[in-house]
N, C-alpha and C. Protein backbone atom coordinates (compact mmCIF):
# COMPACT_ATOMS: atom_id res chain seq x y z
N MET A 1 -13.94 -32.52 44.68
CA MET A 1 -12.83 -31.77 43.96
C MET A 1 -11.82 -32.79 43.46
N ARG A 2 -11.34 -33.65 44.40
CA ARG A 2 -10.25 -34.56 44.00
C ARG A 2 -10.94 -35.62 43.02
N THR A 3 -12.10 -35.78 43.01
CA THR A 3 -12.68 -36.79 42.17
C THR A 3 -12.76 -36.12 40.71
N ALA A 4 -12.99 -34.86 40.66
CA ALA A 4 -13.15 -34.29 39.52
C ALA A 4 -11.72 -34.21 38.79
N LYS A 5 -10.62 -33.89 39.60
CA LYS A 5 -9.46 -33.97 39.11
C LYS A 5 -8.84 -35.36 38.54
N MET A 6 -9.44 -36.45 39.09
CA MET A 6 -9.20 -37.71 38.65
C MET A 6 -9.98 -38.07 37.34
N LEU A 7 -11.23 -37.55 37.31
CA LEU A 7 -12.01 -37.79 36.00
C LEU A 7 -11.50 -37.04 34.95
N LEU A 8 -10.89 -35.77 35.10
CA LEU A 8 -10.50 -34.96 34.02
C LEU A 8 -9.52 -35.64 33.05
N PRO A 9 -8.51 -36.30 33.44
CA PRO A 9 -7.74 -36.97 32.35
C PRO A 9 -8.46 -38.06 31.66
N LEU A 10 -9.41 -38.70 32.28
CA LEU A 10 -10.12 -39.78 31.65
C LEU A 10 -11.17 -39.16 30.82
N LEU A 11 -11.82 -38.09 30.91
CA LEU A 11 -12.62 -37.40 30.12
C LEU A 11 -11.85 -36.90 28.86
N GLY A 12 -10.52 -36.41 29.12
CA GLY A 12 -9.70 -36.12 27.95
C GLY A 12 -9.47 -37.19 27.02
N MET A 13 -9.30 -38.25 27.65
CA MET A 13 -8.97 -39.52 26.84
C MET A 13 -10.18 -39.94 25.97
N VAL A 14 -11.33 -39.92 26.61
CA VAL A 14 -12.54 -40.22 26.04
C VAL A 14 -12.83 -39.28 24.94
N LEU A 15 -12.64 -38.11 25.00
CA LEU A 15 -12.96 -37.12 23.87
C LEU A 15 -11.89 -37.24 22.75
N CYS A 16 -10.60 -37.63 23.12
CA CYS A 16 -9.71 -37.80 22.11
C CYS A 16 -9.93 -38.93 21.22
N MET A 17 -10.33 -40.12 21.89
CA MET A 17 -10.69 -41.35 21.35
C MET A 17 -11.88 -41.11 20.31
N GLY A 18 -12.95 -40.39 20.78
CA GLY A 18 -14.00 -39.97 19.96
C GLY A 18 -13.70 -39.26 18.75
N SER A 19 -12.77 -38.27 18.90
CA SER A 19 -12.39 -37.66 17.63
C SER A 19 -11.53 -38.32 16.78
N ILE A 20 -10.80 -39.33 17.25
CA ILE A 20 -10.11 -40.18 16.27
C ILE A 20 -11.00 -41.05 15.61
N ARG A 21 -11.97 -41.62 16.23
CA ARG A 21 -13.10 -42.38 15.56
C ARG A 21 -13.92 -41.48 14.44
N LEU A 22 -14.07 -40.18 14.88
CA LEU A 22 -14.89 -39.44 13.98
C LEU A 22 -13.97 -39.06 12.60
N TYR A 23 -12.56 -38.92 12.85
CA TYR A 23 -11.72 -38.63 11.90
C TYR A 23 -11.65 -39.75 10.92
N ALA A 24 -11.62 -40.97 11.56
CA ALA A 24 -11.52 -42.18 10.74
C ALA A 24 -12.72 -42.47 9.87
N GLN A 25 -13.94 -42.09 10.41
CA GLN A 25 -15.16 -42.18 9.66
C GLN A 25 -15.18 -41.14 8.52
N GLN A 26 -14.54 -39.94 8.68
CA GLN A 26 -14.63 -38.91 7.62
C GLN A 26 -13.52 -39.39 6.63
N ASP A 27 -12.39 -39.97 6.97
CA ASP A 27 -11.63 -40.61 6.11
C ASP A 27 -12.14 -41.55 5.17
N ASP A 28 -12.83 -42.49 5.97
CA ASP A 28 -13.55 -43.69 5.13
C ASP A 28 -14.49 -43.07 4.17
N ALA A 29 -15.18 -41.96 4.42
CA ALA A 29 -16.10 -41.42 3.62
C ALA A 29 -15.56 -40.82 2.49
N ALA A 30 -14.48 -40.10 2.72
CA ALA A 30 -13.64 -39.39 1.59
C ALA A 30 -13.06 -40.45 0.61
N LYS A 31 -12.49 -41.66 1.24
CA LYS A 31 -12.10 -42.77 0.37
C LYS A 31 -13.11 -43.23 -0.57
N GLU A 32 -14.18 -43.50 0.00
CA GLU A 32 -15.43 -44.04 -0.68
C GLU A 32 -15.85 -43.15 -1.68
N GLU A 33 -15.98 -41.77 -1.45
CA GLU A 33 -16.33 -40.88 -2.50
C GLU A 33 -15.24 -40.74 -3.65
N GLN A 34 -13.95 -41.01 -3.33
CA GLN A 34 -12.96 -41.03 -4.24
C GLN A 34 -13.05 -42.27 -5.17
N TYR A 35 -13.33 -43.35 -4.44
CA TYR A 35 -13.36 -44.63 -5.21
C TYR A 35 -14.65 -44.58 -6.23
N ARG A 36 -15.78 -43.94 -5.84
CA ARG A 36 -16.91 -43.79 -6.78
C ARG A 36 -16.67 -42.84 -7.95
N ALA A 37 -15.89 -41.69 -7.59
CA ALA A 37 -15.48 -40.88 -8.77
C ALA A 37 -14.49 -41.62 -9.74
N ASP A 38 -13.57 -42.36 -9.27
CA ASP A 38 -12.77 -43.21 -10.06
C ASP A 38 -13.54 -44.19 -10.81
N TYR A 39 -14.48 -44.83 -10.11
CA TYR A 39 -15.17 -46.01 -10.98
C TYR A 39 -16.05 -45.19 -12.06
N ASP A 40 -16.62 -44.12 -11.83
CA ASP A 40 -17.47 -43.33 -12.76
C ASP A 40 -16.42 -43.02 -13.97
N ARG A 41 -15.29 -42.48 -13.60
CA ARG A 41 -14.30 -42.20 -14.64
C ARG A 41 -13.83 -43.54 -15.46
N PHE A 42 -13.76 -44.46 -14.77
CA PHE A 42 -13.27 -45.86 -15.46
C PHE A 42 -14.34 -46.25 -16.43
N GLN A 43 -15.69 -46.21 -15.92
CA GLN A 43 -16.78 -46.44 -16.88
C GLN A 43 -16.80 -45.74 -18.17
N LYS A 44 -16.59 -44.43 -17.96
CA LYS A 44 -16.62 -43.59 -19.09
C LYS A 44 -15.54 -43.90 -20.09
N MET A 45 -14.24 -44.16 -19.48
CA MET A 45 -13.11 -44.51 -20.40
C MET A 45 -13.50 -45.76 -21.24
N MET A 46 -14.04 -46.79 -20.40
CA MET A 46 -14.40 -48.02 -21.20
C MET A 46 -15.41 -47.99 -22.34
N ALA A 47 -16.14 -46.85 -22.30
CA ALA A 47 -17.24 -46.66 -23.33
C ALA A 47 -16.42 -45.97 -24.50
N ILE A 48 -15.32 -45.59 -24.50
CA ILE A 48 -14.69 -45.12 -25.69
C ILE A 48 -14.28 -46.18 -26.74
N LYS A 49 -14.78 -46.12 -27.88
CA LYS A 49 -14.45 -47.16 -28.79
C LYS A 49 -13.06 -47.22 -29.45
N ASP A 50 -12.50 -46.02 -29.64
CA ASP A 50 -11.12 -45.94 -30.30
C ASP A 50 -10.12 -46.33 -29.22
N PRO A 51 -9.35 -47.44 -29.56
CA PRO A 51 -8.56 -47.88 -28.66
C PRO A 51 -7.36 -46.89 -28.30
N MET A 52 -6.95 -45.98 -29.24
CA MET A 52 -5.82 -45.01 -29.00
C MET A 52 -6.38 -43.95 -28.06
N LYS A 53 -7.61 -43.56 -28.26
CA LYS A 53 -8.07 -42.62 -27.29
C LYS A 53 -8.47 -43.07 -25.92
N ARG A 54 -8.79 -44.46 -25.86
CA ARG A 54 -9.05 -45.08 -24.60
C ARG A 54 -7.75 -45.25 -23.87
N GLY A 55 -6.75 -45.67 -24.69
CA GLY A 55 -5.45 -45.87 -24.20
C GLY A 55 -4.90 -44.56 -23.55
N GLU A 56 -4.95 -43.44 -24.23
CA GLU A 56 -4.59 -42.03 -23.61
C GLU A 56 -5.52 -41.78 -22.54
N GLU A 57 -6.66 -42.05 -22.45
CA GLU A 57 -7.44 -41.73 -21.11
C GLU A 57 -6.99 -42.66 -20.04
N PHE A 58 -6.66 -43.89 -20.29
CA PHE A 58 -6.00 -44.82 -19.22
C PHE A 58 -4.87 -44.16 -18.75
N VAL A 59 -3.80 -43.75 -19.63
CA VAL A 59 -2.45 -43.31 -19.15
C VAL A 59 -2.83 -41.96 -18.31
N GLN A 60 -3.73 -41.04 -18.66
CA GLN A 60 -4.11 -39.94 -18.10
C GLN A 60 -4.44 -40.19 -16.79
N PHE A 61 -5.34 -41.29 -16.63
CA PHE A 61 -5.90 -41.71 -15.25
C PHE A 61 -4.71 -42.03 -14.20
N LEU A 62 -3.79 -42.85 -14.82
CA LEU A 62 -2.80 -43.36 -13.94
C LEU A 62 -1.88 -42.20 -13.60
N LYS A 63 -1.84 -41.17 -14.35
CA LYS A 63 -1.03 -40.03 -13.92
C LYS A 63 -1.81 -39.30 -12.95
N ASP A 64 -3.01 -39.07 -13.11
CA ASP A 64 -3.86 -38.35 -12.05
C ASP A 64 -3.99 -38.96 -10.89
N ARG A 65 -4.33 -40.42 -10.84
CA ARG A 65 -4.69 -41.15 -9.70
C ARG A 65 -3.64 -42.29 -9.52
N PRO A 66 -2.37 -41.94 -9.13
CA PRO A 66 -1.51 -43.15 -9.17
C PRO A 66 -1.65 -44.01 -7.91
N LYS A 67 -2.37 -43.73 -6.94
CA LYS A 67 -2.87 -44.62 -5.80
C LYS A 67 -4.23 -45.12 -5.93
N SER A 68 -4.92 -45.10 -7.00
CA SER A 68 -6.28 -45.54 -7.18
C SER A 68 -6.60 -46.88 -6.89
N GLN A 69 -7.58 -47.23 -6.39
CA GLN A 69 -7.96 -48.79 -6.04
C GLN A 69 -8.35 -49.39 -7.47
N LEU A 70 -8.49 -48.64 -8.38
CA LEU A 70 -8.78 -49.14 -9.73
C LEU A 70 -7.62 -49.35 -10.71
N GLU A 71 -6.46 -49.15 -10.09
CA GLU A 71 -5.28 -49.08 -10.92
C GLU A 71 -4.98 -50.55 -11.72
N THR A 72 -5.20 -51.56 -10.92
CA THR A 72 -5.20 -52.99 -11.48
C THR A 72 -6.15 -53.04 -12.73
N TYR A 73 -7.27 -52.57 -12.54
CA TYR A 73 -8.24 -52.68 -13.77
C TYR A 73 -7.85 -51.97 -14.88
N VAL A 74 -7.45 -50.75 -14.60
CA VAL A 74 -7.09 -49.87 -15.73
C VAL A 74 -5.71 -50.50 -16.40
N LEU A 75 -4.88 -51.01 -15.59
CA LEU A 75 -3.63 -51.81 -16.31
C LEU A 75 -4.01 -52.94 -17.14
N GLN A 76 -5.00 -53.66 -16.48
CA GLN A 76 -5.46 -54.84 -17.34
C GLN A 76 -6.18 -54.65 -18.53
N ASN A 77 -6.96 -53.46 -18.59
CA ASN A 77 -7.50 -53.15 -19.98
C ASN A 77 -6.46 -52.42 -20.71
N TYR A 78 -5.46 -51.67 -20.29
CA TYR A 78 -4.51 -51.15 -20.98
C TYR A 78 -3.81 -52.44 -21.86
N TYR A 79 -3.39 -53.46 -21.05
CA TYR A 79 -2.73 -54.47 -21.61
C TYR A 79 -3.55 -55.19 -22.79
N GLN A 80 -4.89 -55.19 -22.62
CA GLN A 80 -5.77 -55.70 -23.65
C GLN A 80 -5.55 -54.84 -24.94
N ILE A 81 -5.59 -53.68 -24.78
CA ILE A 81 -5.18 -52.74 -25.92
C ILE A 81 -3.93 -53.04 -26.60
N LEU A 82 -2.92 -53.39 -25.84
CA LEU A 82 -1.54 -53.65 -26.27
C LEU A 82 -1.61 -54.82 -27.07
N GLN A 83 -2.28 -55.91 -26.37
CA GLN A 83 -2.37 -57.24 -27.07
C GLN A 83 -3.04 -57.10 -28.39
N GLU A 84 -4.23 -56.36 -28.37
CA GLU A 84 -4.94 -56.22 -29.70
C GLU A 84 -3.94 -55.54 -30.79
N ASP A 85 -3.29 -54.53 -30.42
CA ASP A 85 -2.40 -54.00 -31.38
C ASP A 85 -1.28 -54.88 -31.83
N ASN A 86 -0.81 -55.71 -30.89
CA ASN A 86 0.27 -56.67 -31.42
C ASN A 86 -0.48 -57.76 -32.27
N ALA A 87 -1.57 -58.32 -31.97
CA ALA A 87 -2.21 -59.37 -32.65
C ALA A 87 -2.65 -58.79 -34.06
N GLN A 88 -2.89 -57.63 -34.25
CA GLN A 88 -3.27 -57.06 -35.43
C GLN A 88 -2.06 -56.24 -36.26
N SER A 89 -0.93 -56.61 -35.59
CA SER A 89 0.45 -56.07 -36.33
C SER A 89 0.37 -54.49 -36.33
N LYS A 90 -0.25 -53.75 -35.49
CA LYS A 90 -0.24 -52.45 -35.39
C LYS A 90 0.95 -51.82 -34.61
N TRP A 91 2.18 -51.97 -35.41
CA TRP A 91 3.36 -51.87 -34.57
C TRP A 91 3.60 -50.22 -34.31
N ASP A 92 3.11 -49.36 -35.04
CA ASP A 92 3.46 -48.02 -34.52
C ASP A 92 2.58 -47.60 -33.43
N ALA A 93 1.27 -48.05 -33.38
CA ALA A 93 0.28 -47.79 -32.40
C ALA A 93 0.90 -48.54 -31.07
N LEU A 94 1.38 -49.80 -31.19
CA LEU A 94 1.85 -50.47 -30.24
C LEU A 94 3.11 -49.85 -29.54
N ALA A 95 4.06 -49.41 -30.29
CA ALA A 95 5.28 -48.74 -29.95
C ALA A 95 4.72 -47.31 -29.00
N LEU A 96 3.93 -46.68 -29.56
CA LEU A 96 3.42 -45.45 -29.04
C LEU A 96 2.76 -45.57 -27.61
N GLN A 97 1.83 -46.58 -27.71
CA GLN A 97 1.02 -46.93 -26.40
C GLN A 97 1.94 -47.54 -25.42
N SER A 98 2.89 -48.39 -25.70
CA SER A 98 3.80 -48.97 -24.85
C SER A 98 4.66 -47.80 -24.13
N ASP A 99 5.20 -47.01 -25.09
CA ASP A 99 6.13 -45.98 -24.46
C ASP A 99 5.21 -44.99 -23.56
N ALA A 100 4.00 -44.71 -23.89
CA ALA A 100 3.29 -43.85 -22.94
C ALA A 100 3.08 -44.35 -21.63
N LEU A 101 2.73 -45.73 -21.81
CA LEU A 101 2.53 -46.37 -20.34
C LEU A 101 3.84 -46.42 -19.59
N LEU A 102 4.87 -46.64 -20.10
CA LEU A 102 6.23 -46.64 -19.55
C LEU A 102 6.63 -45.27 -18.96
N LYS A 103 6.18 -44.23 -19.51
CA LYS A 103 6.45 -42.91 -19.07
C LYS A 103 5.84 -42.65 -17.74
N VAL A 104 4.48 -43.36 -17.43
CA VAL A 104 3.98 -43.21 -16.10
C VAL A 104 4.08 -44.50 -15.24
N ARG A 105 4.43 -45.45 -15.71
CA ARG A 105 4.78 -46.74 -15.00
C ARG A 105 6.03 -47.33 -15.56
N PRO A 106 7.13 -46.75 -15.12
CA PRO A 106 8.43 -47.32 -15.69
C PRO A 106 8.75 -48.70 -15.21
N LYS A 107 8.02 -49.37 -14.43
CA LYS A 107 8.39 -50.70 -13.85
C LYS A 107 7.34 -51.77 -14.36
N VAL A 108 6.81 -51.57 -15.44
CA VAL A 108 5.71 -52.56 -15.94
C VAL A 108 6.51 -53.33 -16.98
N GLY A 109 6.92 -54.42 -16.58
CA GLY A 109 7.48 -55.49 -17.41
C GLY A 109 6.81 -55.77 -18.80
N GLU A 110 5.57 -55.94 -18.75
CA GLU A 110 4.75 -56.26 -19.91
C GLU A 110 4.83 -55.25 -21.08
N ALA A 111 4.84 -53.96 -20.47
CA ALA A 111 4.89 -52.92 -21.45
C ALA A 111 6.27 -52.75 -22.07
N TYR A 112 7.41 -53.09 -21.38
CA TYR A 112 8.66 -53.26 -22.08
C TYR A 112 8.53 -54.33 -23.11
N PHE A 113 7.91 -55.58 -22.82
CA PHE A 113 7.80 -56.61 -23.83
C PHE A 113 7.21 -56.10 -24.95
N PHE A 114 5.85 -55.49 -24.94
CA PHE A 114 5.28 -55.05 -26.11
C PHE A 114 6.03 -53.85 -26.75
N TRP A 115 6.64 -53.20 -26.09
CA TRP A 115 7.61 -52.00 -26.81
C TRP A 115 8.52 -52.70 -27.50
N GLY A 116 9.22 -53.64 -26.85
CA GLY A 116 10.34 -54.37 -27.74
C GLY A 116 9.92 -55.12 -28.93
N THR A 117 8.83 -55.69 -28.83
CA THR A 117 8.21 -56.37 -29.98
C THR A 117 7.98 -55.24 -31.08
N ALA A 118 7.30 -54.22 -30.57
CA ALA A 118 7.08 -53.10 -31.82
C ALA A 118 8.24 -52.60 -32.33
N LEU A 119 9.32 -52.50 -31.55
CA LEU A 119 10.54 -51.78 -31.96
C LEU A 119 11.27 -52.77 -32.88
N ARG A 120 11.13 -54.09 -32.52
CA ARG A 120 11.82 -55.19 -33.32
C ARG A 120 11.10 -55.13 -34.73
N GLN A 121 9.72 -55.02 -34.90
CA GLN A 121 9.14 -54.90 -36.12
C GLN A 121 9.31 -53.68 -36.94
N GLN A 122 9.87 -52.68 -36.11
CA GLN A 122 10.38 -51.56 -36.92
C GLN A 122 11.68 -51.41 -37.18
N ASN A 123 12.40 -52.51 -36.98
CA ASN A 123 13.83 -52.63 -37.32
C ASN A 123 14.83 -51.77 -36.48
N LYS A 124 14.27 -51.56 -35.19
CA LYS A 124 15.23 -50.68 -34.28
C LYS A 124 15.58 -51.72 -33.18
N LEU A 125 16.60 -52.52 -33.75
CA LEU A 125 16.96 -53.69 -32.96
C LEU A 125 17.59 -53.33 -31.61
N PRO A 126 18.67 -52.38 -31.59
CA PRO A 126 19.21 -52.11 -30.15
C PRO A 126 18.36 -51.69 -29.12
N GLU A 127 17.30 -50.78 -29.65
CA GLU A 127 16.28 -50.41 -28.83
C GLU A 127 15.48 -51.68 -28.36
N ALA A 128 15.04 -52.31 -29.30
CA ALA A 128 14.23 -53.57 -29.06
C ALA A 128 14.92 -54.55 -27.89
N MET A 129 16.16 -54.64 -28.04
CA MET A 129 16.93 -55.54 -27.27
C MET A 129 16.97 -54.94 -25.82
N GLU A 130 17.22 -53.60 -25.79
CA GLU A 130 17.29 -52.82 -24.58
C GLU A 130 15.79 -53.02 -23.90
N ALA A 131 14.98 -52.78 -24.54
CA ALA A 131 13.44 -53.05 -24.06
C ALA A 131 13.04 -54.41 -23.39
N LEU A 132 13.52 -55.44 -24.26
CA LEU A 132 13.34 -56.88 -23.83
C LEU A 132 14.12 -57.16 -22.67
N ALA A 133 15.43 -56.70 -22.46
CA ALA A 133 16.21 -56.85 -21.22
C ALA A 133 15.52 -56.36 -20.17
N LYS A 134 15.03 -55.19 -20.21
CA LYS A 134 14.29 -54.47 -19.18
C LYS A 134 13.18 -55.31 -18.71
N CYS A 135 12.37 -55.78 -19.68
CA CYS A 135 11.22 -56.80 -19.25
C CYS A 135 11.70 -57.99 -18.36
N TYR A 136 12.91 -58.56 -18.93
CA TYR A 136 13.56 -59.76 -18.33
C TYR A 136 13.78 -59.49 -17.05
N VAL A 137 14.64 -58.27 -16.72
CA VAL A 137 15.06 -57.90 -15.37
C VAL A 137 13.79 -57.59 -14.27
N LEU A 138 12.76 -57.13 -14.97
CA LEU A 138 11.58 -56.86 -14.11
C LEU A 138 10.78 -58.11 -13.52
N ARG A 139 10.99 -59.29 -14.04
CA ARG A 139 10.25 -60.51 -13.52
C ARG A 139 8.92 -60.46 -13.37
N CYS A 140 8.47 -60.24 -14.78
CA CYS A 140 6.90 -60.26 -14.87
C CYS A 140 6.40 -61.65 -15.56
N PRO A 141 5.10 -61.77 -15.74
CA PRO A 141 4.94 -63.12 -16.35
C PRO A 141 5.31 -63.36 -17.78
N VAL A 142 5.90 -62.46 -18.48
CA VAL A 142 6.38 -62.74 -19.82
C VAL A 142 7.92 -62.49 -19.87
N SER A 143 8.54 -62.55 -18.74
CA SER A 143 9.98 -62.43 -18.58
C SER A 143 10.69 -63.32 -19.34
N ASP A 144 10.38 -64.64 -19.13
CA ASP A 144 11.03 -65.83 -19.81
C ASP A 144 11.08 -65.72 -21.32
N LYS A 145 9.74 -65.33 -21.76
CA LYS A 145 9.56 -65.13 -23.13
C LYS A 145 10.43 -63.97 -23.76
N ALA A 146 10.55 -62.85 -22.88
CA ALA A 146 11.33 -61.73 -23.43
C ALA A 146 12.87 -62.15 -23.46
N ARG A 147 13.29 -63.05 -22.50
CA ARG A 147 14.62 -63.70 -22.60
C ARG A 147 14.88 -64.36 -23.74
N GLN A 148 13.96 -65.29 -24.14
CA GLN A 148 14.16 -66.10 -25.24
C GLN A 148 14.24 -65.03 -26.64
N PHE A 149 13.58 -64.26 -26.75
CA PHE A 149 13.25 -63.29 -27.72
C PHE A 149 14.52 -62.46 -27.88
N LEU A 150 14.97 -61.92 -26.61
CA LEU A 150 16.21 -61.24 -26.53
C LEU A 150 17.41 -61.98 -27.09
N GLU A 151 17.43 -63.22 -26.68
CA GLU A 151 18.65 -64.11 -27.32
C GLU A 151 18.53 -64.23 -28.68
N VAL A 152 17.44 -64.50 -29.31
CA VAL A 152 17.21 -64.60 -30.67
C VAL A 152 17.64 -63.34 -31.41
N LEU A 153 17.32 -62.14 -30.81
CA LEU A 153 17.76 -60.98 -31.54
C LEU A 153 19.18 -60.68 -31.35
N TYR A 154 19.72 -61.00 -30.08
CA TYR A 154 21.14 -60.75 -29.92
C TYR A 154 21.98 -61.59 -30.83
N LYS A 155 21.64 -62.97 -30.93
CA LYS A 155 22.43 -63.82 -31.78
C LYS A 155 22.35 -63.39 -33.20
N GLY A 156 21.28 -62.85 -33.60
CA GLY A 156 21.06 -62.46 -35.03
C GLY A 156 21.84 -61.21 -35.39
N THR A 157 22.15 -60.36 -34.37
CA THR A 157 22.89 -59.21 -34.68
C THR A 157 24.33 -59.31 -34.29
N HIS A 158 24.73 -60.43 -33.61
CA HIS A 158 26.24 -60.63 -32.97
C HIS A 158 26.81 -62.14 -33.51
N GLY A 159 26.52 -62.26 -34.84
CA GLY A 159 27.10 -63.49 -35.48
C GLY A 159 26.80 -64.79 -34.86
N GLY A 160 25.62 -64.88 -34.11
CA GLY A 160 25.19 -66.23 -33.65
C GLY A 160 25.72 -66.47 -32.16
N LYS A 161 26.38 -65.35 -31.56
CA LYS A 161 27.08 -65.64 -30.36
C LYS A 161 26.22 -64.74 -29.34
N THR A 162 26.36 -65.20 -28.06
CA THR A 162 25.73 -64.35 -26.85
C THR A 162 26.71 -63.73 -26.01
N THR A 163 28.02 -63.55 -26.47
CA THR A 163 28.93 -62.86 -25.71
C THR A 163 28.58 -61.38 -25.67
N GLY A 164 28.43 -60.96 -24.40
CA GLY A 164 27.96 -59.55 -24.31
C GLY A 164 26.51 -59.35 -23.84
N LEU A 165 25.72 -60.53 -23.93
CA LEU A 165 24.38 -60.50 -23.62
C LEU A 165 24.14 -60.24 -22.10
N ASP A 166 24.85 -60.93 -21.19
CA ASP A 166 24.84 -60.64 -19.84
C ASP A 166 25.08 -59.07 -19.53
N ALA A 167 26.19 -58.53 -20.23
CA ALA A 167 26.32 -57.10 -19.97
C ALA A 167 25.06 -56.22 -20.47
N LEU A 168 24.50 -56.59 -21.50
CA LEU A 168 23.30 -55.88 -21.84
C LEU A 168 22.22 -56.02 -20.61
N ILE A 169 22.10 -57.18 -20.20
CA ILE A 169 21.09 -57.32 -19.08
C ILE A 169 21.46 -56.55 -17.86
N GLU A 170 22.73 -56.47 -17.54
CA GLU A 170 23.16 -55.77 -16.39
C GLU A 170 22.96 -54.32 -16.58
N LYS A 171 23.11 -53.86 -17.80
CA LYS A 171 22.78 -52.44 -18.07
C LYS A 171 21.49 -52.07 -17.81
N ALA A 172 20.54 -52.98 -18.43
CA ALA A 172 19.23 -52.91 -18.13
C ALA A 172 18.72 -52.76 -16.69
N ARG A 173 19.37 -53.76 -16.00
CA ARG A 173 19.11 -53.84 -14.39
C ARG A 173 19.35 -52.56 -13.81
N SER A 174 20.69 -51.92 -14.23
CA SER A 174 21.18 -50.62 -13.56
C SER A 174 20.12 -49.51 -14.06
N ALA A 175 19.67 -49.56 -15.20
CA ALA A 175 18.67 -48.45 -15.65
C ALA A 175 17.36 -48.56 -14.94
N ILE A 176 17.10 -49.95 -14.52
CA ILE A 176 15.71 -49.96 -13.83
C ILE A 176 15.80 -49.70 -12.37
N THR A 177 16.87 -50.05 -11.69
CA THR A 177 17.20 -49.95 -10.26
C THR A 177 17.78 -48.64 -9.98
N GLY A 178 18.46 -48.04 -10.86
CA GLY A 178 19.15 -46.91 -10.50
C GLY A 178 18.74 -45.60 -10.99
């Protein structure tokens, strides 16, 4: 009887550890199933020929699956669409698609860069400078280029001076962080 009392807590621990392992296996199976579903959806999106439609599907995917393992691939392919719009001078499409991405991922610096470029081409200079300042603040691969472009635009609209540029950047920083 005394031996049974001593084994009872040990038996409870073994059962508990077994159930934890089973739960972990079920969790891994669910993650694998979700990855496969995401991958199938990604392949279907990539088959869409129209870049606007494909971009819309990418944005919807990012809304639906914010923690997907495929997020990086979706974003990289979205950047390609933005780059193609930029290279082909499709400013309206570039502005729409950059804005759409920023609505679901407001801290993607590259999207602010493309949005600022499109806004500049549409002669919406204050909005373009604000977008470029946000790109600069987010410290992405094109931040330095955004800063240079921002300075050119700012000087062009402020008589060749940069007085007030730092205030614009701080305003962008506050908008991003706060």
